[in-house]
Amino acid sequence: MPTQTDPVSLTVEVERKGEQCIVHCRGRLVSCVCSFFVKKVHGLIPGSKLIVLDFTDLECVDSMGLGALVRVYVACKRSGCELRLVNLGQRVKEMLGLTNLLGLFAEMGERGSITHF
């Protein structure tokens, strides 16, 4: 009997205020949704000075999801746009820590907060 797996999903809600965006991510940032995630964030880079990825409701990220985060980071950096990650859950922090990416993203988060939004 074949086993059924739960559908993997990621929803992205964008809140734009001038040259700043908050991207609220819900679900799982895993291989089958990485292209969607990267395209969505890439589309926000033109005209943005700051993109905040709010991971309050992000359950987990896999290796492909980490690759998507790095691609978004590089694209933002090349365009002169700042990228911040906020509200990281324990599982996401652990994955970033295991890959030595936590320091990079933690440094970005320490530069400021989104309270001015």
Foldseek 3Di string as FASTA:
>chain_A
DDDDDDDFDKDWDWDDDQQEIEIEIATEQEDVCLVVVLVVLLVSLVRHQEYEYEDQHYDAYDPSSVVSVVVSCVSNVVSNHQYAYPNDDPRHCVVCVVVVNNVVRVVSNVVDDPPVD
